[in-house]
Full PDB file with SEQRES, HELIX, SHEET, SSBOND, CRYST1, ORIGX, SCALE, CONECT and MASTER records, all heavy atoms in Angstrom:
SEQRES   1 A   38  LEU GLN MET ASN SER LEU LYS SER GLU ASP THR ALA ILE          
SEQRES   2 A   38  TYR TYR CYS ALA ARG GLY LYS SER GLY ASP LEU SER SER          
SEQRES   3 A   38  GLU LEU LEU GLN TYR VAL TYR TRP GLY GLN GLY THR              
HELIX    1 AA1 SER A    8  ASP A   10  5                                   3    
HELIX    2 AA2 LEU A   28  GLN A   30  5                                   3    
SHEET    1 AA1 2 ALA A  17  GLY A  19  0                                        
SHEET    2 AA1 2 TYR A  31  TRP A  34 -1                                        
CRYST1    1.000    1.000    1.000  90.00  90.00  90.00 P 1           1          
ORIGX1      1.000000  0.000000  0.000000        0.00000                         
ORIGX2      0.000000  1.000000  0.000000        0.00000                         
ORIGX3      0.000000  0.000000  1.000000        0.00000                         
SCALE1      1.000000  0.000000  0.000000        0.00000                         
SCALE2      0.000000  1.000000  0.000000        0.00000                         
SCALE3      0.000000  0.000000  1.000000        0.00000                         
ATOM      1  N   LEU A   1      17.962 -17.205  33.288  1.00  0.00           N  
ATOM      2  CA  LEU A   1      18.535 -17.517  34.585  1.00  0.00           C  
ATOM      3  C   LEU A   1      19.738 -18.419  34.346  1.00  0.00           C  
ATOM      4  O   LEU A   1      19.578 -19.598  34.020  1.00  0.00           O  
ATOM      5  CB  LEU A   1      17.525 -18.209  35.503  1.00  0.00           C  
ATOM      6  CG  LEU A   1      18.025 -18.488  36.918  1.00  0.00           C  
ATOM      7  CD1 LEU A   1      18.225 -17.174  37.676  1.00  0.00           C  
ATOM      8  CD2 LEU A   1      17.045 -19.391  37.675  1.00  0.00           C  
ATOM      9  N   GLN A   2      20.928 -17.851  34.464  1.00  0.00           N  
ATOM     10  CA  GLN A   2      22.157 -18.619  34.331  1.00  0.00           C  
ATOM     11  C   GLN A   2      22.481 -19.238  35.679  1.00  0.00           C  
ATOM     12  O   GLN A   2      22.632 -18.520  36.665  1.00  0.00           O  
ATOM     13  CB  GLN A   2      23.307 -17.719  33.875  1.00  0.00           C  
ATOM     14  CG  GLN A   2      24.650 -18.427  33.759  1.00  0.00           C  
ATOM     15  CD  GLN A   2      24.679 -19.447  32.651  1.00  0.00           C  
ATOM     16  OE1 GLN A   2      24.224 -19.171  31.543  1.00  0.00           O  
ATOM     17  NE2 GLN A   2      25.196 -20.631  32.938  1.00  0.00           N  
ATOM     18  N   MET A   3      22.589 -20.554  35.723  1.00  0.00           N  
ATOM     19  CA  MET A   3      22.831 -21.271  36.961  1.00  0.00           C  
ATOM     20  C   MET A   3      24.175 -21.983  36.877  1.00  0.00           C  
ATOM     21  O   MET A   3      24.362 -22.864  36.044  1.00  0.00           O  
ATOM     22  CB  MET A   3      21.710 -22.279  37.235  1.00  0.00           C  
ATOM     23  CG  MET A   3      20.317 -21.662  37.217  1.00  0.00           C  
ATOM     24  SD  MET A   3      19.021 -22.837  37.690  1.00  0.00           S  
ATOM     25  CE  MET A   3      19.140 -23.993  36.327  1.00  0.00           C  
ATOM     26  N   ASN A   4      25.097 -21.594  37.730  1.00  0.00           N  
ATOM     27  CA  ASN A   4      26.424 -22.195  37.786  1.00  0.00           C  
ATOM     28  C   ASN A   4      26.640 -22.879  39.124  1.00  0.00           C  
ATOM     29  O   ASN A   4      25.923 -22.633  40.087  1.00  0.00           O  
ATOM     30  CB  ASN A   4      27.500 -21.126  37.583  1.00  0.00           C  
ATOM     31  CG  ASN A   4      27.415 -20.431  36.247  1.00  0.00           C  
ATOM     32  OD1 ASN A   4      27.063 -21.044  35.234  1.00  0.00           O  
ATOM     33  ND2 ASN A   4      27.756 -19.144  36.218  1.00  0.00           N  
ATOM     34  N   SER A   5      27.654 -23.732  39.174  1.00  0.00           N  
ATOM     35  CA  SER A   5      28.000 -24.448  40.404  1.00  0.00           C  
ATOM     36  C   SER A   5      26.777 -25.094  41.037  1.00  0.00           C  
ATOM     37  O   SER A   5      26.533 -24.972  42.239  1.00  0.00           O  
ATOM     38  CB  SER A   5      28.667 -23.486  41.395  1.00  0.00           C  
ATOM     39  OG  SER A   5      29.829 -22.903  40.838  1.00  0.00           O  
ATOM     40  N   LEU A   6      26.014 -25.792  40.232  1.00  0.00           N  
ATOM     41  CA  LEU A   6      24.762 -26.383  40.700  1.00  0.00           C  
ATOM     42  C   LEU A   6      24.990 -27.444  41.770  1.00  0.00           C  
ATOM     43  O   LEU A   6      25.964 -28.197  41.722  1.00  0.00           O  
ATOM     44  CB  LEU A   6      23.998 -26.980  39.528  1.00  0.00           C  
ATOM     45  CG  LEU A   6      23.303 -25.947  38.638  1.00  0.00           C  
ATOM     46  CD1 LEU A   6      22.923 -26.553  37.299  1.00  0.00           C  
ATOM     47  CD2 LEU A   6      22.065 -25.403  39.349  1.00  0.00           C  
ATOM     48  N   LYS A   7      24.070 -27.474  42.723  1.00  0.00           N  
ATOM     49  CA  LYS A   7      24.101 -28.418  43.828  1.00  0.00           C  
ATOM     50  C   LYS A   7      22.854 -29.289  43.784  1.00  0.00           C  
ATOM     51  O   LYS A   7      21.854 -28.925  43.173  1.00  0.00           O  
ATOM     52  CB  LYS A   7      24.150 -27.670  45.163  1.00  0.00           C  
ATOM     53  CG  LYS A   7      25.263 -26.648  45.290  1.00  0.00           C  
ATOM     54  CD  LYS A   7      25.118 -25.864  46.580  1.00  0.00           C  
ATOM     55  CE  LYS A   7      26.204 -24.823  46.721  1.00  0.00           C  
ATOM     56  NZ  LYS A   7      26.047 -24.034  47.972  1.00  0.00           N  
ATOM     57  N   SER A   8      22.896 -30.417  44.471  1.00  0.00           N  
ATOM     58  CA  SER A   8      21.748 -31.310  44.491  1.00  0.00           C  
ATOM     59  C   SER A   8      20.508 -30.615  45.055  1.00  0.00           C  
ATOM     60  O   SER A   8      19.387 -30.892  44.617  1.00  0.00           O  
ATOM     61  CB  SER A   8      22.046 -32.572  45.296  1.00  0.00           C  
ATOM     62  OG  SER A   8      22.388 -32.259  46.632  1.00  0.00           O  
ATOM     63  N   GLU A   9      20.692 -29.707  45.993  1.00  0.00           N  
ATOM     64  CA  GLU A   9      19.567 -29.000  46.579  1.00  0.00           C  
ATOM     65  C   GLU A   9      18.919 -27.993  45.637  1.00  0.00           C  
ATOM     66  O   GLU A   9      17.882 -27.408  45.968  1.00  0.00           O  
ATOM     67  CB  GLU A   9      19.967 -28.305  47.890  1.00  0.00           C  
ATOM     68  CG  GLU A   9      21.199 -27.447  47.762  1.00  0.00           C  
ATOM     69  CD  GLU A   9      22.453 -28.151  48.254  1.00  0.00           C  
ATOM     70  OE1 GLU A   9      22.655 -29.316  47.864  1.00  0.00           O  
ATOM     71  OE2 GLU A   9      23.206 -27.543  49.032  1.00  0.00           O  
ATOM     72  N   ASP A  10      19.519 -27.775  44.457  1.00  0.00           N  
ATOM     73  CA  ASP A  10      18.913 -26.913  43.451  1.00  0.00           C  
ATOM     74  C   ASP A  10      17.875 -27.664  42.622  1.00  0.00           C  
ATOM     75  O   ASP A  10      17.181 -27.059  41.807  1.00  0.00           O  
ATOM     76  CB  ASP A  10      19.978 -26.343  42.516  1.00  0.00           C  
ATOM     77  CG  ASP A  10      20.934 -25.399  43.224  1.00  0.00           C  
ATOM     78  OD1 ASP A  10      20.474 -24.584  44.044  1.00  0.00           O  
ATOM     79  OD2 ASP A  10      22.152 -25.479  42.942  1.00  0.00           O  
ATOM     80  N   THR A  11      17.780 -28.970  42.810  1.00  0.00           N  
ATOM     81  CA  THR A  11      16.817 -29.781  42.073  1.00  0.00           C  
ATOM     82  C   THR A  11      15.400 -29.321  42.382  1.00  0.00           C  
ATOM     83  O   THR A  11      14.985 -29.282  43.535  1.00  0.00           O  
ATOM     84  CB  THR A  11      16.972 -31.265  42.426  1.00  0.00           C  
ATOM     85  OG1 THR A  11      18.251 -31.731  41.981  1.00  0.00           O  
ATOM     86  CG2 THR A  11      15.885 -32.098  41.757  1.00  0.00           C  
ATOM     87  N   ALA A  12      14.650 -28.965  41.346  1.00  0.00           N  
ATOM     88  CA  ALA A  12      13.295 -28.454  41.505  1.00  0.00           C  
ATOM     89  C   ALA A  12      12.700 -28.149  40.139  1.00  0.00           C  
ATOM     90  O   ALA A  12      13.397 -28.177  39.127  1.00  0.00           O  
ATOM     91  CB  ALA A  12      13.298 -27.176  42.357  1.00  0.00           C  
ATOM     92  N   ILE A  13      11.412 -27.854  40.131  1.00  0.00           N  
ATOM     93  CA  ILE A  13      10.793 -27.293  38.943  1.00  0.00           C  
ATOM     94  C   ILE A  13      10.956 -25.784  39.048  1.00  0.00           C  
ATOM     95  O   ILE A  13      10.615 -25.193  40.076  1.00  0.00           O  
ATOM     96  CB  ILE A  13       9.299 -27.651  38.842  1.00  0.00           C  
ATOM     97  CG1 ILE A  13       9.119 -29.163  38.748  1.00  0.00           C  
ATOM     98  CG2 ILE A  13       8.674 -26.981  37.627  1.00  0.00           C  
ATOM     99  CD1 ILE A  13       7.674 -29.610  38.757  1.00  0.00           C  
ATOM    100  N   TYR A  14      11.472 -25.170  38.002  1.00  0.00           N  
ATOM    101  CA  TYR A  14      11.709 -23.735  37.994  1.00  0.00           C  
ATOM    102  C   TYR A  14      10.633 -23.029  37.178  1.00  0.00           C  
ATOM    103  O   TYR A  14      10.332 -23.428  36.051  1.00  0.00           O  
ATOM    104  CB  TYR A  14      13.090 -23.421  37.427  1.00  0.00           C  
ATOM    105  CG  TYR A  14      14.196 -23.694  38.416  1.00  0.00           C  
ATOM    106  CD1 TYR A  14      14.533 -24.996  38.759  1.00  0.00           C  
ATOM    107  CD2 TYR A  14      14.887 -22.644  39.022  1.00  0.00           C  
ATOM    108  CE1 TYR A  14      15.528 -25.253  39.694  1.00  0.00           C  
ATOM    109  CE2 TYR A  14      15.886 -22.891  39.944  1.00  0.00           C  
ATOM    110  CZ  TYR A  14      16.203 -24.189  40.283  1.00  0.00           C  
ATOM    111  OH  TYR A  14      17.201 -24.435  41.204  1.00  0.00           O  
ATOM    112  N   TYR A  15      10.076 -21.984  37.754  1.00  0.00           N  
ATOM    113  CA  TYR A  15       9.011 -21.218  37.126  1.00  0.00           C  
ATOM    114  C   TYR A  15       9.424 -19.770  36.931  1.00  0.00           C  
ATOM    115  O   TYR A  15      10.077 -19.187  37.789  1.00  0.00           O  
ATOM    116  CB  TYR A  15       7.753 -21.215  38.001  1.00  0.00           C  
ATOM    117  CG  TYR A  15       7.165 -22.564  38.304  1.00  0.00           C  
ATOM    118  CD1 TYR A  15       7.582 -23.288  39.417  1.00  0.00           C  
ATOM    119  CD2 TYR A  15       6.171 -23.100  37.492  1.00  0.00           C  
ATOM    120  CE1 TYR A  15       7.035 -24.523  39.706  1.00  0.00           C  
ATOM    121  CE2 TYR A  15       5.613 -24.328  37.780  1.00  0.00           C  
ATOM    122  CZ  TYR A  15       6.045 -25.038  38.887  1.00  0.00           C  
ATOM    123  OH  TYR A  15       5.495 -26.259  39.179  1.00  0.00           O  
ATOM    124  N   CYS A  16       9.010 -19.172  35.825  1.00  0.00           N  
ATOM    125  CA  CYS A  16       9.143 -17.733  35.689  1.00  0.00           C  
ATOM    126  C   CYS A  16       7.764 -17.122  35.892  1.00  0.00           C  
ATOM    127  O   CYS A  16       6.737 -17.773  35.694  1.00  0.00           O  
ATOM    128  CB  CYS A  16       9.727 -17.319  34.329  1.00  0.00           C  
ATOM    129  SG  CYS A  16       8.692 -17.648  32.888  1.00  0.00           S  
ATOM    130  N   ALA A  17       7.737 -15.871  36.314  1.00  0.00           N  
ATOM    131  CA  ALA A  17       6.481 -15.207  36.622  1.00  0.00           C  
ATOM    132  C   ALA A  17       6.592 -13.710  36.371  1.00  0.00           C  
ATOM    133  O   ALA A  17       7.671 -13.131  36.496  1.00  0.00           O  
ATOM    134  CB  ALA A  17       6.088 -15.462  38.080  1.00  0.00           C  
ATOM    135  N   ARG A  18       5.470 -13.097  36.025  1.00  0.00           N  
ATOM    136  CA  ARG A  18       5.415 -11.653  35.809  1.00  0.00           C  
ATOM    137  C   ARG A  18       4.821 -10.975  37.024  1.00  0.00           C  
ATOM    138  O   ARG A  18       3.764 -11.383  37.512  1.00  0.00           O  
ATOM    139  CB  ARG A  18       4.579 -11.325  34.585  1.00  0.00           C  
ATOM    140  CG  ARG A  18       4.799  -9.910  34.061  1.00  0.00           C  
ATOM    141  CD  ARG A  18       3.558  -9.354  33.403  1.00  0.00           C  
ATOM    142  NE  ARG A  18       2.592  -8.895  34.388  1.00  0.00           N  
ATOM    143  CZ  ARG A  18       1.429  -8.321  34.093  1.00  0.00           C  
ATOM    144  NH1 ARG A  18       1.079  -8.159  32.821  1.00  0.00           N  
ATOM    145  NH2 ARG A  18       0.608  -7.928  35.052  1.00  0.00           N  
ATOM    146  N   GLY A  19       5.485  -9.948  37.496  1.00  0.00           N  
ATOM    147  CA  GLY A  19       5.001  -9.211  38.637  1.00  0.00           C  
ATOM    148  C   GLY A  19       3.826  -8.322  38.297  1.00  0.00           C  
ATOM    149  O   GLY A  19       3.536  -8.059  37.131  1.00  0.00           O  
ATOM    150  N   LYS A  20       3.148  -7.838  39.332  1.00  0.00           N  
ATOM    151  CA  LYS A  20       2.026  -6.936  39.123  1.00  0.00           C  
ATOM    152  C   LYS A  20       2.482  -5.485  38.975  1.00  0.00           C  
ATOM    153  O   LYS A  20       1.692  -4.613  38.634  1.00  0.00           O  
ATOM    154  CB  LYS A  20       1.021  -7.050  40.270  1.00  0.00           C  
ATOM    155  CG  LYS A  20       1.556  -6.655  41.624  1.00  0.00           C  
ATOM    156  CD  LYS A  20       0.444  -6.620  42.663  1.00  0.00           C  
ATOM    157  CE  LYS A  20      -0.153  -7.997  42.888  1.00  0.00           C  
ATOM    158  NZ  LYS A  20      -1.188  -7.966  43.966  1.00  0.00           N  
ATOM    159  N   SER A  21       3.773  -5.241  39.225  1.00  0.00           N  
ATOM    160  CA  SER A  21       4.334  -3.909  39.079  1.00  0.00           C  
ATOM    161  C   SER A  21       5.754  -4.017  38.553  1.00  0.00           C  
ATOM    162  O   SER A  21       6.242  -5.107  38.266  1.00  0.00           O  
ATOM    163  CB  SER A  21       4.315  -3.165  40.420  1.00  0.00           C  
ATOM    164  OG  SER A  21       5.341  -3.635  41.267  1.00  0.00           O  
ATOM    165  N   GLY A  22       6.419  -2.895  38.438  1.00  0.00           N  
ATOM    166  CA  GLY A  22       7.795  -2.901  37.982  1.00  0.00           C  
ATOM    167  C   GLY A  22       8.811  -2.978  39.104  1.00  0.00           C  
ATOM    168  O   GLY A  22      10.017  -2.924  38.848  1.00  0.00           O  
ATOM    169  N   ASP A  23       8.348  -3.136  40.328  1.00  0.00           N  
ATOM    170  CA  ASP A  23       9.227  -3.153  41.495  1.00  0.00           C  
ATOM    171  C   ASP A  23       9.793  -4.538  41.779  1.00  0.00           C  
ATOM    172  O   ASP A  23       9.150  -5.559  41.539  1.00  0.00           O  
ATOM    173  CB  ASP A  23       8.471  -2.674  42.733  1.00  0.00           C  
ATOM    174  CG  ASP A  23       7.928  -1.271  42.581  1.00  0.00           C  
ATOM    175  OD1 ASP A  23       8.587  -0.442  41.916  1.00  0.00           O  
ATOM    176  OD2 ASP A  23       6.845  -0.989  43.121  1.00  0.00           O  
ATOM    177  N   LEU A  24      10.998  -4.560  42.334  1.00  0.00           N  
ATOM    178  CA  LEU A  24      11.597  -5.812  42.778  1.00  0.00           C  
ATOM    179  C   LEU A  24      10.767  -6.404  43.900  1.00  0.00           C  
ATOM    180  O   LEU A  24      10.319  -5.694  44.798  1.00  0.00           O  
ATOM    181  CB  LEU A  24      13.015  -5.576  43.285  1.00  0.00           C  
ATOM    182  CG  LEU A  24      14.100  -5.270  42.256  1.00  0.00           C  
ATOM    183  CD1 LEU A  24      15.383  -4.877  42.971  1.00  0.00           C  
ATOM    184  CD2 LEU A  24      14.339  -6.473  41.358  1.00  0.00           C  
ATOM    185  N   SER A  25      10.569  -7.723  43.873  1.00  0.00           N  
ATOM    186  CA  SER A  25       9.817  -8.388  44.921  1.00  0.00           C  
ATOM    187  C   SER A  25      10.168  -9.865  44.980  1.00  0.00           C  
ATOM    188  O   SER A  25      10.358 -10.508  43.948  1.00  0.00           O  
ATOM    189  CB  SER A  25       8.314  -8.239  44.712  1.00  0.00           C  
ATOM    190  OG  SER A  25       7.586  -8.911  45.728  1.00  0.00           O  
ATOM    191  N   SER A  26      10.251 -10.392  46.195  1.00  0.00           N  
ATOM    192  CA  SER A  26      10.475 -11.809  46.422  1.00  0.00           C  
ATOM    193  C   SER A  26       9.211 -12.501  46.921  1.00  0.00           C  
ATOM    194  O   SER A  26       9.243 -13.676  47.277  1.00  0.00           O  
ATOM    195  CB  SER A  26      11.603 -12.009  47.441  1.00  0.00           C  
ATOM    196  OG  SER A  26      11.267 -11.434  48.689  1.00  0.00           O  
ATOM    197  N   GLU A  27       8.103 -11.782  46.922  1.00  0.00           N  
ATOM    198  CA  GLU A  27       6.847 -12.291  47.459  1.00  0.00           C  
ATOM    199  C   GLU A  27       5.990 -12.940  46.382  1.00  0.00           C  
ATOM    200  O   GLU A  27       5.725 -12.342  45.340  1.00  0.00           O  
ATOM    201  CB  GLU A  27       6.060 -11.167  48.123  1.00  0.00           C  
ATOM    202  CG  GLU A  27       6.793 -10.483  49.262  1.00  0.00           C  
ATOM    203  CD  GLU A  27       7.002 -11.402  50.438  1.00  0.00           C  
ATOM    204  OE1 GLU A  27       6.176 -12.320  50.623  1.00  0.00           O  
ATOM    205  OE2 GLU A  27       7.985 -11.209  51.169  1.00  0.00           O  
ATOM    206  N   LEU A  28       5.535 -14.153  46.640  1.00  0.00           N  
ATOM    207  CA  LEU A  28       4.689 -14.893  45.698  1.00  0.00           C  
ATOM    208  C   LEU A  28       3.457 -14.102  45.281  1.00  0.00           C  
ATOM    209  O   LEU A  28       3.082 -14.105  44.106  1.00  0.00           O  
ATOM    210  CB  LEU A  28       4.242 -16.217  46.316  1.00  0.00           C  
ATOM    211  CG  LEU A  28       5.192 -17.401  46.233  1.00  0.00           C  
ATOM    212  CD1 LEU A  28       4.682 -18.520  47.131  1.00  0.00           C  
ATOM    213  CD2 LEU A  28       5.321 -17.889  44.798  1.00  0.00           C  
ATOM    214  N   LEU A  29       2.838 -13.423  46.224  1.00  0.00           N  
ATOM    215  CA  LEU A  29       1.586 -12.726  45.959  1.00  0.00           C  
ATOM    216  C   LEU A  29       1.754 -11.507  45.064  1.00  0.00           C  
ATOM    217  O   LEU A  29       0.759 -10.956  44.593  1.00  0.00           O  
ATOM    218  CB  LEU A  29       0.923 -12.316  47.275  1.00  0.00           C  
ATOM    219  CG  LEU A  29       0.424 -13.464  48.148  1.00  0.00           C  
ATOM    220  CD1 LEU A  29      -0.186 -12.917  49.431  1.00  0.00           C  
ATOM    221  CD2 LEU A  29      -0.597 -14.303  47.391  1.00  0.00           C  
ATOM    222  N   GLN A  30       2.986 -11.082  44.814  1.00  0.00           N  
ATOM    223  CA  GLN A  30       3.228  -9.942  43.940  1.00  0.00           C  
ATOM    224  C   GLN A  30       3.367 -10.352  42.476  1.00  0.00           C  
ATOM    225  O   GLN A  30       3.610  -9.499  41.625  1.00  0.00           O  
ATOM    226  CB  GLN A  30       4.478  -9.189  44.389  1.00  0.00           C  
ATOM    227  CG  GLN A  30       4.372  -8.598  45.787  1.00  0.00           C  
ATOM    228  CD  GLN A  30       3.159  -7.704  45.943  1.00  0.00           C  
ATOM    229  OE1 GLN A  30       2.933  -6.793  45.133  1.00  0.00           O  
ATOM    230  NE2 GLN A  30       2.356  -7.956  46.964  1.00  0.00           N  
ATOM    231  N   TYR A  31       3.198 -11.629  42.180  1.00  0.00           N  
ATOM    232  CA  TYR A  31       3.293 -12.128  40.814  1.00  0.00           C  
ATOM    233  C   TYR A  31       1.944 -12.678  40.374  1.00  0.00           C  
ATOM    234  O   TYR A  31       1.293 -13.422  41.113  1.00  0.00           O  
ATOM    235  CB  TYR A  31       4.389 -13.191  40.708  1.00  0.00           C  
ATOM    236  CG  TYR A  31       5.746 -12.604  40.955  1.00  0.00           C  
ATOM    237  CD1 TYR A  31       6.245 -12.481  42.244  1.00  0.00           C  
ATOM    238  CD2 TYR A  31       6.518 -12.132  39.895  1.00  0.00           C  
ATOM    239  CE1 TYR A  31       7.482 -11.897  42.482  1.00  0.00           C  
ATOM    240  CE2 TYR A  31       7.754 -11.553  40.120  1.00  0.00           C  
ATOM    241  CZ  TYR A  31       8.231 -11.441  41.413  1.00  0.00           C  
ATOM    242  OH  TYR A  31       9.463 -10.856  41.634  1.00  0.00           O  
ATOM    243  N   VAL A  32       1.528 -12.323  39.159  1.00  0.00           N  
ATOM    244  CA  VAL A  32       0.168 -12.637  38.718  1.00  0.00           C  
ATOM    245  C   VAL A  32       0.082 -13.584  37.522  1.00  0.00           C  
ATOM    246  O   VAL A  32      -0.978 -14.153  37.269  1.00  0.00           O  
ATOM    247  CB  VAL A  32      -0.601 -11.337  38.393  1.00  0.00           C  
ATOM    248  CG1 VAL A  32      -0.794 -10.511  39.660  1.00  0.00           C  
ATOM    249  CG2 VAL A  32       0.136 -10.515  37.345  1.00  0.00           C  
ATOM    250  N   TYR A  33       1.159 -13.745  36.771  1.00  0.00           N  
ATOM    251  CA  TYR A  33       1.176 -14.673  35.649  1.00  0.00           C  
ATOM    252  C   TYR A  33       2.355 -15.617  35.797  1.00  0.00           C  
ATOM    253  O   TYR A  33       3.464 -15.193  36.141  1.00  0.00           O  
ATOM    254  CB  TYR A  33       1.265 -13.932  34.313  1.00  0.00           C  
ATOM    255  CG  TYR A  33       0.064 -13.071  34.013  1.00  0.00           C  
ATOM    256  CD1 TYR A  33       0.109 -11.689  34.179  1.00  0.00           C  
ATOM    257  CD2 TYR A  33      -1.122 -13.644  33.567  1.00  0.00           C  
ATOM    258  CE1 TYR A  33      -0.991 -10.901  33.906  1.00  0.00           C  
ATOM    259  CE2 TYR A  33      -2.231 -12.863  33.298  1.00  0.00           C  
ATOM    260  CZ  TYR A  33      -2.160 -11.492  33.468  1.00  0.00           C  
ATOM    261  OH  TYR A  33      -3.263 -10.712  33.195  1.00  0.00           O  
ATOM    262  N   TRP A  34       2.109 -16.900  35.501  1.00  0.00           N  
ATOM    263  CA  TRP A  34       3.122 -17.937  35.705  1.00  0.00           C  
ATOM    264  C   TRP A  34       3.262 -18.841  34.491  1.00  0.00           C  
ATOM    265  O   TRP A  34       2.286 -19.128  33.807  1.00  0.00           O  
ATOM    266  CB  TRP A  34       2.761 -18.810  36.911  1.00  0.00           C  
ATOM    267  CG  TRP A  34       2.741 -18.065  38.197  1.00  0.00           C  
ATOM    268  CD1 TRP A  34       1.752 -17.271  38.679  1.00  0.00           C  
ATOM    269  CD2 TRP A  34       3.788 -18.038  39.175  1.00  0.00           C  
ATOM    270  NE1 TRP A  34       2.102 -16.743  39.897  1.00  0.00           N  
ATOM    271  CE2 TRP A  34       3.346 -17.200  40.229  1.00  0.00           C  
ATOM    272  CE3 TRP A  34       5.038 -18.636  39.264  1.00  0.00           C  
ATOM    273  CZ2 TRP A  34       4.122 -16.950  41.356  1.00  0.00           C  
ATOM    274  CZ3 TRP A  34       5.812 -18.391  40.384  1.00  0.00           C  
ATOM    275  CH2 TRP A  34       5.351 -17.560  41.408  1.00  0.00           C  
ATOM    276  N   GLY A  35       4.495 -19.298  34.247  1.00  0.00           N  
ATOM    277  CA  GLY A  35       4.729 -20.283  33.218  1.00  0.00           C  
ATOM    278  C   GLY A  35       4.441 -21.671  33.754  1.00  0.00           C  
ATOM    279  O   GLY A  35       4.080 -21.849  34.921  1.00  0.00           O  
ATOM    280  N   GLN A  36       4.607 -22.683  32.909  1.00  0.00           N  
ATOM    281  CA  GLN A  36       4.326 -24.060  33.297  1.00  0.00           C  
ATOM    282  C   GLN A  36       5.488 -24.732  34.020  1.00  0.00           C  
ATOM    283  O   GLN A  36       5.319 -25.783  34.625  1.00  0.00           O  
ATOM    284  CB  GLN A  36       3.944 -24.886  32.067  1.00  0.00           C  
ATOM    285  CG  GLN A  36       2.615 -24.467  31.447  1.00  0.00           C  
ATOM    286  CD  GLN A  36       1.470 -24.630  32.416  1.00  0.00           C  
ATOM    287  OE1 GLN A  36       1.240 -25.720  32.941  1.00  0.00           O  
ATOM    288  NE2 GLN A  36       0.747 -23.537  32.671  1.00  0.00           N  
ATOM    289  N   GLY A  37       6.661 -24.140  33.958  1.00  0.00           N  
ATOM    290  CA  GLY A  37       7.810 -24.664  34.666  1.00  0.00           C  
ATOM    291  C   GLY A  37       8.700 -25.563  33.825  1.00  0.00           C  
ATOM    292  O   GLY A  37       8.266 -26.137  32.828  1.00  0.00           O  
ATOM    293  N   THR A  38       9.952 -25.669  34.219  1.00  0.00           N  
ATOM    294  CA  THR A  38      10.906 -26.559  33.572  1.00  0.00           C  
ATOM    295  C   THR A  38      11.702 -27.278  34.654  1.00  0.00           C  
ATOM    296  O   THR A  38      12.125 -26.670  35.639  1.00  0.00           O  
ATOM    297  CB  THR A  38      11.830 -25.774  32.612  1.00  0.00           C  
ATOM    298  OG1 THR A  38      12.686 -26.682  31.915  1.00  0.00           O  
ATOM    299  CG2 THR A  38      12.678 -24.745  33.351  1.00  0.00           C  
TER     300      THR A  38                                                      
MASTER        0    0    0    2    2    0    0    6  299    1    0    3          
END                                                                             
C-alpha cells in the first residue's frame, strides 16, 4: 500500500486481510484472516 500526500486523518493502525473469495470487496465480513497491524 503506497501512501502519498498523507494527512493527519490518515493516522491509524493499518491492517491487511485475506478475503474469503477472489472478488473485490469493501466489507469487513468478507475477510477471514487478519494481520496484527502496523
